[in-house]
Amino acid sequence: SCFKKNAGIGFNDYLRQYRMTIAQQLIRSTDYSLDRVAE
């Protein structure tokens, strides 16, 4: 509740968006398999 009040987004949604941002960078800039990126 504190996180959502201050960030305007729920923690789980924030974490998923953050992970997807990193995943996008890894997919674009490396030759890692998608399974490896997921991990």
PDB file of all heavy atoms in Angstrom:
ATOM      1  N   SER A   1       0.826  -1.209   0.000  1.00  0.00           N
ATOM      2  CA  SER A   1       0.000   0.000   0.000  1.00  0.00           C
ATOM      3  C   SER A   1       0.861   1.261   0.000  1.00  0.00           C
ATOM      4  O   SER A   1       0.541   2.230  -0.689  1.00  0.00           O
ATOM      5  CB  SER A   1      -0.972  -0.002   1.175  1.00  0.00           C
ATOM      6  OG  SER A   1      -0.284   0.046   2.404  1.00  0.00           O
ATOM      7  N   CYS A   2       1.965   1.257   0.731  1.00  0.00           N
ATOM      8  CA  CYS A   2       2.875   2.421   0.727  1.00  0.00           C
ATOM      9  C   CYS A   2       3.521   2.586  -0.644  1.00  0.00           C
ATOM     10  O   CYS A   2       3.643   3.715  -1.140  1.00  0.00           O
ATOM     11  CB  CYS A   2       3.959   2.260   1.790  1.00  0.00           C
ATOM     12  SG  CYS A   2       3.377   2.496   3.470  1.00  0.00           S
ATOM     13  N   PHE A   3       3.915   1.498  -1.243  1.00  0.00           N
ATOM     14  CA  PHE A   3       4.559   1.557  -2.556  1.00  0.00           C
ATOM     15  C   PHE A   3       3.591   2.141  -3.581  1.00  0.00           C
ATOM     16  O   PHE A   3       3.943   3.040  -4.339  1.00  0.00           O
ATOM     17  CB  PHE A   3       5.024   0.164  -2.999  1.00  0.00           C
ATOM     18  CG  PHE A   3       5.882   0.186  -4.227  1.00  0.00           C
ATOM     19  CD1 PHE A   3       7.261   0.249  -4.115  1.00  0.00           C
ATOM     20  CD2 PHE A   3       5.329   0.157  -5.496  1.00  0.00           C
ATOM     21  CE1 PHE A   3       8.066   0.282  -5.237  1.00  0.00           C
ATOM     22  CE2 PHE A   3       6.112   0.193  -6.630  1.00  0.00           C
ATOM     23  CZ  PHE A   3       7.491   0.260  -6.499  1.00  0.00           C
ATOM     24  N   LYS A   4       2.375   1.640  -3.593  1.00  0.00           N
ATOM     25  CA  LYS A   4       1.384   2.110  -4.564  1.00  0.00           C
ATOM     26  C   LYS A   4       1.046   3.575  -4.328  1.00  0.00           C
ATOM     27  O   LYS A   4       0.898   4.355  -5.276  1.00  0.00           O
ATOM     28  CB  LYS A   4       0.124   1.262  -4.510  1.00  0.00           C
ATOM     29  CG  LYS A   4      -0.859   1.612  -5.602  1.00  0.00           C
ATOM     30  CD  LYS A   4      -1.943   0.592  -5.733  1.00  0.00           C
ATOM     31  CE  LYS A   4      -2.768   0.905  -6.977  1.00  0.00           C
ATOM     32  NZ  LYS A   4      -3.666  -0.173  -7.310  1.00  0.00           N
ATOM     33  N   LYS A   5       0.946   3.973  -3.074  1.00  0.00           N
ATOM     34  CA  LYS A   5       0.645   5.364  -2.743  1.00  0.00           C
ATOM     35  C   LYS A   5       1.746   6.296  -3.252  1.00  0.00           C
ATOM     36  O   LYS A   5       1.471   7.360  -3.804  1.00  0.00           O
ATOM     37  CB  LYS A   5       0.483   5.514  -1.234  1.00  0.00           C
ATOM     38  CG  LYS A   5       0.124   6.911  -0.789  1.00  0.00           C
ATOM     39  CD  LYS A   5      -0.042   6.966   0.712  1.00  0.00           C
ATOM     40  CE  LYS A   5      -0.363   8.377   1.152  1.00  0.00           C
ATOM     41  NZ  LYS A   5      -0.488   8.465   2.617  1.00  0.00           N
ATOM     42  N   ASN A   6       2.997   5.887  -3.118  1.00  0.00           N
ATOM     43  CA  ASN A   6       4.123   6.738  -3.503  1.00  0.00           C
ATOM     44  C   ASN A   6       4.503   6.616  -4.974  1.00  0.00           C
ATOM     45  O   ASN A   6       4.926   7.596  -5.582  1.00  0.00           O
ATOM     46  CB  ASN A   6       5.338   6.432  -2.621  1.00  0.00           C
ATOM     47  CG  ASN A   6       5.141   6.916  -1.210  1.00  0.00           C
ATOM     48  OD1 ASN A   6       4.856   8.081  -0.981  1.00  0.00           O
ATOM     49  ND2 ASN A   6       5.259   6.022  -0.244  1.00  0.00           N
ATOM     50  N   ALA A   7       4.378   5.433  -5.542  1.00  0.00           N
ATOM     51  CA  ALA A   7       4.813   5.219  -6.928  1.00  0.00           C
ATOM     52  C   ALA A   7       3.667   5.326  -7.930  1.00  0.00           C
ATOM     53  O   ALA A   7       3.900   5.474  -9.120  1.00  0.00           O
ATOM     54  CB  ALA A   7       5.483   3.856  -7.061  1.00  0.00           C
ATOM     55  N   GLY A   8       2.435   5.200  -7.433  1.00  0.00           N
ATOM     56  CA  GLY A   8       1.293   5.271  -8.328  1.00  0.00           C
ATOM     57  C   GLY A   8       1.035   3.989  -9.096  1.00  0.00           C
ATOM     58  O   GLY A   8       0.214   3.958 -10.004  1.00  0.00           O
ATOM     59  N   ILE A   9       1.758   2.942  -8.752  1.00  0.00           N
ATOM     60  CA  ILE A   9       1.614   1.640  -9.414  1.00  0.00           C
ATOM     61  C   ILE A   9       1.892   0.571  -8.365  1.00  0.00           C
ATOM     62  O   ILE A   9       2.712   0.776  -7.462  1.00  0.00           O
ATOM     63  CB  ILE A   9       2.587   1.519 -10.615  1.00  0.00           C
ATOM     64  CG1 ILE A   9       2.376   0.236 -11.393  1.00  0.00           C
ATOM     65  CG2 ILE A   9       4.030   1.668 -10.189  1.00  0.00           C
ATOM     66  CD1 ILE A   9       3.184   0.154 -12.684  1.00  0.00           C
ATOM     67  N   GLY A  10       1.218  -0.560  -8.488  1.00  0.00           N
ATOM     68  CA  GLY A  10       1.448  -1.654  -7.546  1.00  0.00           C
ATOM     69  C   GLY A  10       2.843  -2.232  -7.703  1.00  0.00           C
ATOM     70  O   GLY A  10       3.437  -2.193  -8.785  1.00  0.00           O
ATOM     71  N   PHE A  11       3.366  -2.791  -6.613  1.00  0.00           N
ATOM     72  CA  PHE A  11       4.723  -3.318  -6.647  1.00  0.00           C
ATOM     73  C   PHE A  11       4.885  -4.425  -7.677  1.00  0.00           C
ATOM     74  O   PHE A  11       5.872  -4.455  -8.415  1.00  0.00           O
ATOM     75  CB  PHE A  11       5.149  -3.825  -5.271  1.00  0.00           C
ATOM     76  CG  PHE A  11       6.526  -4.418  -5.271  1.00  0.00           C
ATOM     77  CD1 PHE A  11       7.641  -3.591  -5.383  1.00  0.00           C
ATOM     78  CD2 PHE A  11       6.720  -5.789  -5.213  1.00  0.00           C
ATOM     79  CE1 PHE A  11       8.922  -4.123  -5.415  1.00  0.00           C
ATOM     80  CE2 PHE A  11       7.994  -6.320  -5.241  1.00  0.00           C
ATOM     81  CZ  PHE A  11       9.096  -5.493  -5.341  1.00  0.00           C
ATOM     82  N   ASN A  12       3.936  -5.356  -7.748  1.00  0.00           N
ATOM     83  CA  ASN A  12       4.058  -6.459  -8.712  1.00  0.00           C
ATOM     84  C   ASN A  12       4.052  -5.949 -10.148  1.00  0.00           C
ATOM     85  O   ASN A  12       4.812  -6.454 -10.981  1.00  0.00           O
ATOM     86  CB  ASN A  12       2.947  -7.491  -8.504  1.00  0.00           C
ATOM     87  CG  ASN A  12       3.133  -8.290  -7.235  1.00  0.00           C
ATOM     88  OD1 ASN A  12       4.256  -8.458  -6.759  1.00  0.00           O
ATOM     89  ND2 ASN A  12       2.051  -8.773  -6.670  1.00  0.00           N
ATOM     90  N   ASP A  13       3.222  -4.963 -10.436  1.00  0.00           N
ATOM     91  CA  ASP A  13       3.207  -4.371 -11.778  1.00  0.00           C
ATOM     92  C   ASP A  13       4.525  -3.658 -12.068  1.00  0.00           C
ATOM     93  O   ASP A  13       5.069  -3.753 -13.170  1.00  0.00           O
ATOM     94  CB  ASP A  13       2.044  -3.396 -11.945  1.00  0.00           C
ATOM     95  CG  ASP A  13       0.701  -4.101 -11.966  1.00  0.00           C
ATOM     96  OD1 ASP A  13       0.661  -5.290 -12.348  1.00  0.00           O
ATOM     97  OD2 ASP A  13      -0.301  -3.464 -11.594  1.00  0.00           O
ATOM     98  N   TYR A  14       5.041  -2.939 -11.066  1.00  0.00           N
ATOM     99  CA  TYR A  14       6.321  -2.254 -11.224  1.00  0.00           C
ATOM    100  C   TYR A  14       7.440  -3.265 -11.494  1.00  0.00           C
ATOM    101  O   TYR A  14       8.255  -3.072 -12.409  1.00  0.00           O
ATOM    102  CB  TYR A  14       6.651  -1.440  -9.966  1.00  0.00           C
ATOM    103  CG  TYR A  14       8.044  -0.870  -9.996  1.00  0.00           C
ATOM    104  CD1 TYR A  14       8.309   0.309 -10.686  1.00  0.00           C
ATOM    105  CD2 TYR A  14       9.095  -1.520  -9.358  1.00  0.00           C
ATOM    106  CE1 TYR A  14       9.595   0.825 -10.735  1.00  0.00           C
ATOM    107  CE2 TYR A  14      10.381  -1.007  -9.401  1.00  0.00           C
ATOM    108  CZ  TYR A  14      10.620   0.157 -10.089  1.00  0.00           C
ATOM    109  OH  TYR A  14      11.896   0.668 -10.147  1.00  0.00           O
ATOM    110  N   LEU A  15       7.464  -4.328 -10.710  1.00  0.00           N
ATOM    111  CA  LEU A  15       8.503  -5.345 -10.863  1.00  0.00           C
ATOM    112  C   LEU A  15       8.427  -5.993 -12.241  1.00  0.00           C
ATOM    113  O   LEU A  15       9.448  -6.185 -12.900  1.00  0.00           O
ATOM    114  CB  LEU A  15       8.395  -6.405  -9.766  1.00  0.00           C
ATOM    115  CG  LEU A  15       9.435  -7.511  -9.780  1.00  0.00           C
ATOM    116  CD1 LEU A  15      10.846  -6.940  -9.642  1.00  0.00           C
ATOM    117  CD2 LEU A  15       9.153  -8.501  -8.655  1.00  0.00           C
ATOM    118  N   ARG A  16       7.205  -6.322 -12.699  1.00  0.00           N
ATOM    119  CA  ARG A  16       7.053  -6.923 -14.031  1.00  0.00           C
ATOM    120  C   ARG A  16       7.537  -5.963 -15.111  1.00  0.00           C
ATOM    121  O   ARG A  16       8.272  -6.353 -16.020  1.00  0.00           O
ATOM    122  CB  ARG A  16       5.597  -7.325 -14.287  1.00  0.00           C
ATOM    123  CG  ARG A  16       5.444  -8.106 -15.597  1.00  0.00           C
ATOM    124  CD  ARG A  16       4.011  -8.505 -15.930  1.00  0.00           C
ATOM    125  NE  ARG A  16       3.266  -7.338 -16.363  1.00  0.00           N
ATOM    126  CZ  ARG A  16       2.277  -6.757 -15.683  1.00  0.00           C
ATOM    127  NH1 ARG A  16       1.883  -7.246 -14.539  1.00  0.00           N
ATOM    128  NH2 ARG A  16       1.664  -5.703 -16.151  1.00  0.00           N
ATOM    129  N   GLN A  17       7.176  -4.688 -15.014  1.00  0.00           N
ATOM    130  CA  GLN A  17       7.619  -3.710 -16.011  1.00  0.00           C
ATOM    131  C   GLN A  17       9.135  -3.558 -16.001  1.00  0.00           C
ATOM    132  O   GLN A  17       9.770  -3.463 -17.056  1.00  0.00           O
ATOM    133  CB  GLN A  17       6.942  -2.367 -15.780  1.00  0.00           C
ATOM    134  CG  GLN A  17       5.484  -2.364 -16.147  1.00  0.00           C
ATOM    135  CD  GLN A  17       4.821  -1.015 -15.906  1.00  0.00           C
ATOM    136  OE1 GLN A  17       5.446  -0.059 -15.457  1.00  0.00           O
ATOM    137  NE2 GLN A  17       3.536  -0.942 -16.205  1.00  0.00           N
ATOM    138  N   TYR A  18       9.725  -3.538 -14.820  1.00  0.00           N
ATOM    139  CA  TYR A  18      11.176  -3.429 -14.711  1.00  0.00           C
ATOM    140  C   TYR A  18      11.861  -4.631 -15.351  1.00  0.00           C
ATOM    141  O   TYR A  18      12.802  -4.485 -16.133  1.00  0.00           O
ATOM    142  CB  TYR A  18      11.582  -3.295 -13.241  1.00  0.00           C
ATOM    143  CG  TYR A  18      13.075  -3.254 -13.058  1.00  0.00           C
ATOM    144  CD1 TYR A  18      13.784  -2.095 -13.345  1.00  0.00           C
ATOM    145  CD2 TYR A  18      13.773  -4.370 -12.614  1.00  0.00           C
ATOM    146  CE1 TYR A  18      15.163  -2.047 -13.192  1.00  0.00           C
ATOM    147  CE2 TYR A  18      15.144  -4.334 -12.459  1.00  0.00           C
ATOM    148  CZ  TYR A  18      15.836  -3.172 -12.750  1.00  0.00           C
ATOM    149  OH  TYR A  18      17.201  -3.133 -12.605  1.00  0.00           O
ATOM    150  N   ARG A  19      11.367  -5.827 -15.032  1.00  0.00           N
ATOM    151  CA  ARG A  19      11.948  -7.048 -15.605  1.00  0.00           C
ATOM    152  C   ARG A  19      11.828  -7.058 -17.129  1.00  0.00           C
ATOM    153  O   ARG A  19      12.747  -7.472 -17.829  1.00  0.00           O
ATOM    154  CB  ARG A  19      11.256  -8.285 -15.036  1.00  0.00           C
ATOM    155  CG  ARG A  19      11.627  -8.587 -13.614  1.00  0.00           C
ATOM    156  CD  ARG A  19      10.804  -9.732 -13.085  1.00  0.00           C
ATOM    157  NE  ARG A  19      11.342 -10.218 -11.824  1.00  0.00           N
ATOM    158  CZ  ARG A  19      10.771 -11.162 -11.091  1.00  0.00           C
ATOM    159  NH1 ARG A  19       9.648 -11.725 -11.508  1.00  0.00           N
ATOM    160  NH2 ARG A  19      11.318 -11.551  -9.967  1.00  0.00           N
ATOM    161  N   MET A  20      10.702  -6.587 -17.643  1.00  0.00           N
ATOM    162  CA  MET A  20      10.497  -6.574 -19.090  1.00  0.00           C
ATOM    163  C   MET A  20      11.403  -5.541 -19.765  1.00  0.00           C
ATOM    164  O   MET A  20      11.878  -5.762 -20.880  1.00  0.00           O
ATOM    165  CB  MET A  20       9.032  -6.315 -19.440  1.00  0.00           C
ATOM    166  CG  MET A  20       8.098  -7.424 -19.009  1.00  0.00           C
ATOM    167  SD  MET A  20       8.568  -9.048 -19.649  1.00  0.00           S
ATOM    168  CE  MET A  20       8.697  -9.969 -18.122  1.00  0.00           C
ATOM    169  N   THR A  21      11.672  -4.447 -19.097  1.00  0.00           N
ATOM    170  CA  THR A  21      12.606  -3.452 -19.630  1.00  0.00           C
ATOM    171  C   THR A  21      14.004  -4.057 -19.759  1.00  0.00           C
ATOM    172  O   THR A  21      14.665  -3.898 -20.791  1.00  0.00           O
ATOM    173  CB  THR A  21      12.648  -2.199 -18.724  1.00  0.00           C
ATOM    174  OG1 THR A  21      11.344  -1.626 -18.685  1.00  0.00           O
ATOM    175  CG2 THR A  21      13.644  -1.177 -19.237  1.00  0.00           C
ATOM    176  N   ILE A  22      14.433  -4.762 -18.734  1.00  0.00           N
ATOM    177  CA  ILE A  22      15.743  -5.431 -18.770  1.00  0.00           C
ATOM    178  C   ILE A  22      15.735  -6.514 -19.835  1.00  0.00           C
ATOM    179  O   ILE A  22      16.701  -6.671 -20.594  1.00  0.00           O
ATOM    180  CB  ILE A  22      16.108  -6.013 -17.390  1.00  0.00           C
ATOM    181  CG1 ILE A  22      16.153  -4.913 -16.321  1.00  0.00           C
ATOM    182  CG2 ILE A  22      17.428  -6.772 -17.455  1.00  0.00           C
ATOM    183  CD1 ILE A  22      17.128  -3.790 -16.592  1.00  0.00           C
ATOM    184  N   ALA A  23      14.655  -7.280 -19.925  1.00  0.00           N
ATOM    185  CA  ALA A  23      14.546  -8.342 -20.932  1.00  0.00           C
ATOM    186  C   ALA A  23      14.647  -7.750 -22.338  1.00  0.00           C
ATOM    187  O   ALA A  23      15.339  -8.314 -23.195  1.00  0.00           O
ATOM    188  CB  ALA A  23      13.234  -9.105 -20.772  1.00  0.00           C
ATOM    189  N   GLN A  24      13.987  -6.634 -22.581  1.00  0.00           N
ATOM    190  CA  GLN A  24      14.072  -5.985 -23.891  1.00  0.00           C
ATOM    191  C   GLN A  24      15.516  -5.640 -24.227  1.00  0.00           C
ATOM    192  O   GLN A  24      15.977  -5.871 -25.343  1.00  0.00           O
ATOM    193  CB  GLN A  24      13.243  -4.699 -23.908  1.00  0.00           C
ATOM    194  CG  GLN A  24      11.763  -4.910 -23.949  1.00  0.00           C
ATOM    195  CD  GLN A  24      11.038  -3.595 -23.837  1.00  0.00           C
ATOM    196  OE1 GLN A  24      11.063  -2.936 -22.806  1.00  0.00           O
ATOM    197  NE2 GLN A  24      10.401  -3.199 -24.915  1.00  0.00           N
ATOM    198  N   GLN A  25      16.222  -5.082 -23.264  1.00  0.00           N
ATOM    199  CA  GLN A  25      17.622  -4.711 -23.485  1.00  0.00           C
ATOM    200  C   GLN A  25      18.470  -5.946 -23.785  1.00  0.00           C
ATOM    201  O   GLN A  25      19.322  -5.906 -24.682  1.00  0.00           O
ATOM    202  CB  GLN A  25      18.169  -3.971 -22.266  1.00  0.00           C
ATOM    203  CG  GLN A  25      17.536  -2.628 -22.054  1.00  0.00           C
ATOM    204  CD  GLN A  25      17.933  -2.002 -20.716  1.00  0.00           C
ATOM    205  OE1 GLN A  25      18.621  -2.612 -19.894  1.00  0.00           O
ATOM    206  NE2 GLN A  25      17.478  -0.778 -20.490  1.00  0.00           N
ATOM    207  N   LEU A  26      18.250  -7.016 -23.046  1.00  0.00           N
ATOM    208  CA  LEU A  26      19.028  -8.239 -23.260  1.00  0.00           C
ATOM    209  C   LEU A  26      18.721  -8.847 -24.629  1.00  0.00           C
ATOM    210  O   LEU A  26      19.628  -9.314 -25.317  1.00  0.00           O
ATOM    211  CB  LEU A  26      18.732  -9.258 -22.155  1.00  0.00           C
ATOM    212  CG  LEU A  26      19.299  -8.920 -20.781  1.00  0.00           C
ATOM    213  CD1 LEU A  26      18.726  -9.852 -19.720  1.00  0.00           C
ATOM    214  CD2 LEU A  26      20.823  -8.989 -20.797  1.00  0.00           C
ATOM    215  N   ILE A  27      17.469  -8.850 -25.017  1.00  0.00           N
ATOM    216  CA  ILE A  27      17.094  -9.420 -26.315  1.00  0.00           C
ATOM    217  C   ILE A  27      17.719  -8.619 -27.448  1.00  0.00           C
ATOM    218  O   ILE A  27      18.227  -9.181 -28.412  1.00  0.00           O
ATOM    219  CB  ILE A  27      15.554  -9.479 -26.458  1.00  0.00           C
ATOM    220  CG1 ILE A  27      14.982 -10.540 -25.509  1.00  0.00           C
ATOM    221  CG2 ILE A  27      15.148  -9.785 -27.901  1.00  0.00           C
ATOM    222  CD1 ILE A  27      13.460 -10.502 -25.372  1.00  0.00           C
ATOM    223  N   ARG A  28      17.721  -7.294 -27.311  1.00  0.00           N
ATOM    224  CA  ARG A  28      18.270  -6.443 -28.381  1.00  0.00           C
ATOM    225  C   ARG A  28      19.795  -6.469 -28.435  1.00  0.00           C
ATOM    226  O   ARG A  28      20.367  -6.356 -29.513  1.00  0.00           O
ATOM    227  CB  ARG A  28      17.816  -4.994 -28.184  1.00  0.00           C
ATOM    228  CG  ARG A  28      16.380  -4.745 -28.564  1.00  0.00           C
ATOM    229  CD  ARG A  28      16.070  -3.268 -28.673  1.00  0.00           C
ATOM    230  NE  ARG A  28      16.533  -2.485 -27.539  1.00  0.00           N
ATOM    231  CZ  ARG A  28      15.765  -2.080 -26.532  1.00  0.00           C
ATOM    232  NH1 ARG A  28      14.483  -2.373 -26.520  1.00  0.00           N
ATOM    233  NH2 ARG A  28      16.274  -1.367 -25.550  1.00  0.00           N
ATOM    234  N   SER A  29      20.444  -6.613 -27.304  1.00  0.00           N
ATOM    235  CA  SER A  29      21.893  -6.394 -27.283  1.00  0.00           C
ATOM    236  C   SER A  29      22.744  -7.648 -27.074  1.00  0.00           C
ATOM    237  O   SER A  29      23.968  -7.549 -27.029  1.00  0.00           O
ATOM    238  CB  SER A  29      22.241  -5.377 -26.197  1.00  0.00           C
ATOM    239  OG  SER A  29      21.912  -5.882 -24.920  1.00  0.00           O
ATOM    240  N   THR A  30      22.108  -8.810 -26.920  1.00  0.00           N
ATOM    241  CA  THR A  30      22.880 -10.036 -26.715  1.00  0.00           C
ATOM    242  C   THR A  30      22.361 -11.141 -27.625  1.00  0.00           C
ATOM    243  O   THR A  30      21.324 -10.990 -28.258  1.00  0.00           O
ATOM    244  CB  THR A  30      22.788 -10.539 -25.254  1.00  0.00           C
ATOM    245  OG1 THR A  30      21.467 -10.992 -24.994  1.00  0.00           O
ATOM    246  CG2 THR A  30      23.189  -9.458 -24.263  1.00  0.00           C
ATOM    247  N   ASP A  31      23.077 -12.231 -27.639  1.00  0.00           N
ATOM    248  CA  ASP A  31      22.643 -13.407 -28.390  1.00  0.00           C
ATOM    249  C   ASP A  31      22.130 -14.507 -27.463  1.00  0.00           C
ATOM    250  O   ASP A  31      22.064 -15.671 -27.856  1.00  0.00           O
ATOM    251  CB  ASP A  31      23.802 -13.957 -29.237  1.00  0.00           C
ATOM    252  CG  ASP A  31      24.129 -13.045 -30.404  1.00  0.00           C
ATOM    253  OD1 ASP A  31      23.202 -12.391 -30.922  1.00  0.00           O
ATOM    254  OD2 ASP A  31      25.306 -12.981 -30.794  1.00  0.00           O
ATOM    255  N   TYR A  32      21.766 -14.148 -26.238  1.00  0.00           N
ATOM    256  CA  TYR A  32      21.257 -15.134 -25.293  1.00  0.00           C
ATOM    257  C   TYR A  32      19.946 -15.718 -25.815  1.00  0.00           C
ATOM    258  O   TYR A  32      19.152 -15.038 -26.461  1.00  0.00           O
ATOM    259  CB  TYR A  32      20.984 -14.512 -23.929  1.00  0.00           C
ATOM    260  CG  TYR A  32      22.205 -14.043 -23.190  1.00  0.00           C
ATOM    261  CD1 TYR A  32      22.235 -12.815 -22.559  1.00  0.00           C
ATOM    262  CD2 TYR A  32      23.337 -14.844 -23.097  1.00  0.00           C
ATOM    263  CE1 TYR A  32      23.344 -12.373 -21.861  1.00  0.00           C
ATOM    264  CE2 TYR A  32      24.460 -14.416 -22.403  1.00  0.00           C
ATOM    265  CZ  TYR A  32      24.448 -13.185 -21.785  1.00  0.00           C
ATOM    266  OH  TYR A  32      25.546 -12.763 -21.104  1.00  0.00           O
ATOM    267  N   SER A  33      19.719 -16.986 -25.487  1.00  0.00           N
ATOM    268  CA  SER A  33      18.440 -17.600 -25.829  1.00  0.00           C
ATOM    269  C   SER A  33      17.350 -16.934 -24.991  1.00  0.00           C
ATOM    270  O   SER A  33      17.619 -16.334 -23.935  1.00  0.00           O
ATOM    271  CB  SER A  33      18.474 -19.099 -25.526  1.00  0.00           C
ATOM    272  OG  SER A  33      18.492 -19.313 -24.129  1.00  0.00           O
ATOM    273  N   LEU A  34      16.118 -17.065 -25.435  1.00  0.00           N
ATOM    274  CA  LEU A  34      15.005 -16.473 -24.689  1.00  0.00           C
ATOM    275  C   LEU A  34      14.831 -17.144 -23.333  1.00  0.00           C
ATOM    276  O   LEU A  34      14.454 -16.481 -22.358  1.00  0.00           O
ATOM    277  CB  LEU A  34      13.718 -16.535 -25.512  1.00  0.00           C
ATOM    278  CG  LEU A  34      13.743 -15.698 -26.784  1.00  0.00           C
ATOM    279  CD1 LEU A  34      12.463 -15.891 -27.578  1.00  0.00           C
ATOM    280  CD2 LEU A  34      13.968 -14.227 -26.481  1.00  0.00           C
ATOM    281  N   ASP A  35      15.147 -18.430 -23.244  1.00  0.00           N
ATOM    282  CA  ASP A  35      15.103 -19.124 -21.950  1.00  0.00           C
ATOM    283  C   ASP A  35      16.122 -18.518 -20.985  1.00  0.00           C
ATOM    284  O   ASP A  35      15.840 -18.336 -19.802  1.00  0.00           O
ATOM    285  CB  ASP A  35      15.369 -20.615 -22.117  1.00  0.00           C
ATOM    286  CG  ASP A  35      14.222 -21.353 -22.779  1.00  0.00           C
ATOM    287  OD1 ASP A  35      13.146 -20.746 -22.999  1.00  0.00           O
ATOM    288  OD2 ASP A  35      14.398 -22.545 -23.083  1.00  0.00           O
ATOM    289  N   ARG A  36      17.297 -18.212 -21.502  1.00  0.00           N
ATOM    290  CA  ARG A  36      18.348 -17.604 -20.671  1.00  0.00           C
ATOM    291  C   ARG A  36      17.944 -16.203 -20.237  1.00  0.00           C
ATOM    292  O   ARG A  36      18.146 -15.806 -19.089  1.00  0.00           O
ATOM    293  CB  ARG A  36      19.673 -17.578 -21.448  1.00  0.00           C
ATOM    294  CG  ARG A  36      20.806 -16.913 -20.705  1.00  0.00           C
ATOM    295  CD  ARG A  36      21.286 -17.779 -19.533  1.00  0.00           C
ATOM    296  NE  ARG A  36      22.430 -17.138 -18.920  1.00  0.00           N
ATOM    297  CZ  ARG A  36      22.494 -16.829 -17.624  1.00  0.00           C
ATOM    298  NH1 ARG A  36      21.522 -17.158 -16.805  1.00  0.00           N
ATOM    299  NH2 ARG A  36      23.549 -16.226 -17.135  1.00  0.00           N
ATOM    300  N   VAL A  37      17.365 -15.430 -21.139  1.00  0.00           N
ATOM    301  CA  VAL A  37      16.888 -14.082 -20.799  1.00  0.00           C
ATOM    302  C   VAL A  37      15.838 -14.179 -19.697  1.00  0.00           C
ATOM    303  O   VAL A  37      15.882 -13.417 -18.727  1.00  0.00           O
ATOM    304  CB  VAL A  37      16.335 -13.350 -22.040  1.00  0.00           C
ATOM    305  CG1 VAL A  37      15.629 -12.059 -21.646  1.00  0.00           C
ATOM    306  CG2 VAL A  37      17.443 -13.066 -23.040  1.00  0.00           C
ATOM    307  N   ALA A  38      14.908 -15.112 -19.845  1.00  0.00           N
ATOM    308  CA  ALA A  38      13.873 -15.302 -18.825  1.00  0.00           C
ATOM    309  C   ALA A  38      14.506 -15.570 -17.460  1.00  0.00           C
ATOM    310  O   ALA A  38      14.122 -14.959 -16.455  1.00  0.00           O
ATOM    311  CB  ALA A  38      12.953 -16.456 -19.218  1.00  0.00           C
ATOM    312  N   GLU A  39      15.481 -16.441 -17.451  1.00  0.00           N
ATOM    313  CA  GLU A  39      16.172 -16.775 -16.200  1.00  0.00           C
ATOM    314  C   GLU A  39      16.898 -15.560 -15.628  1.00  0.00           C
ATOM    315  O   GLU A  39      16.861 -15.306 -14.429  1.00  0.00           O
ATOM    316  CB  GLU A  39      17.159 -17.905 -16.471  1.00  0.00           C
ATOM    317  CG  GLU A  39      17.911 -18.382 -15.261  1.00  0.00           C
ATOM    318  CD  GLU A  39      18.904 -19.475 -15.620  1.00  0.00           C
ATOM    319  OE1 GLU A  39      18.503 -20.434 -16.309  1.00  0.00           O
ATOM    320  OE2 GLU A  39      20.071 -19.346 -15.224  1.00  0.00           O
TER     321      GLU A  39
END
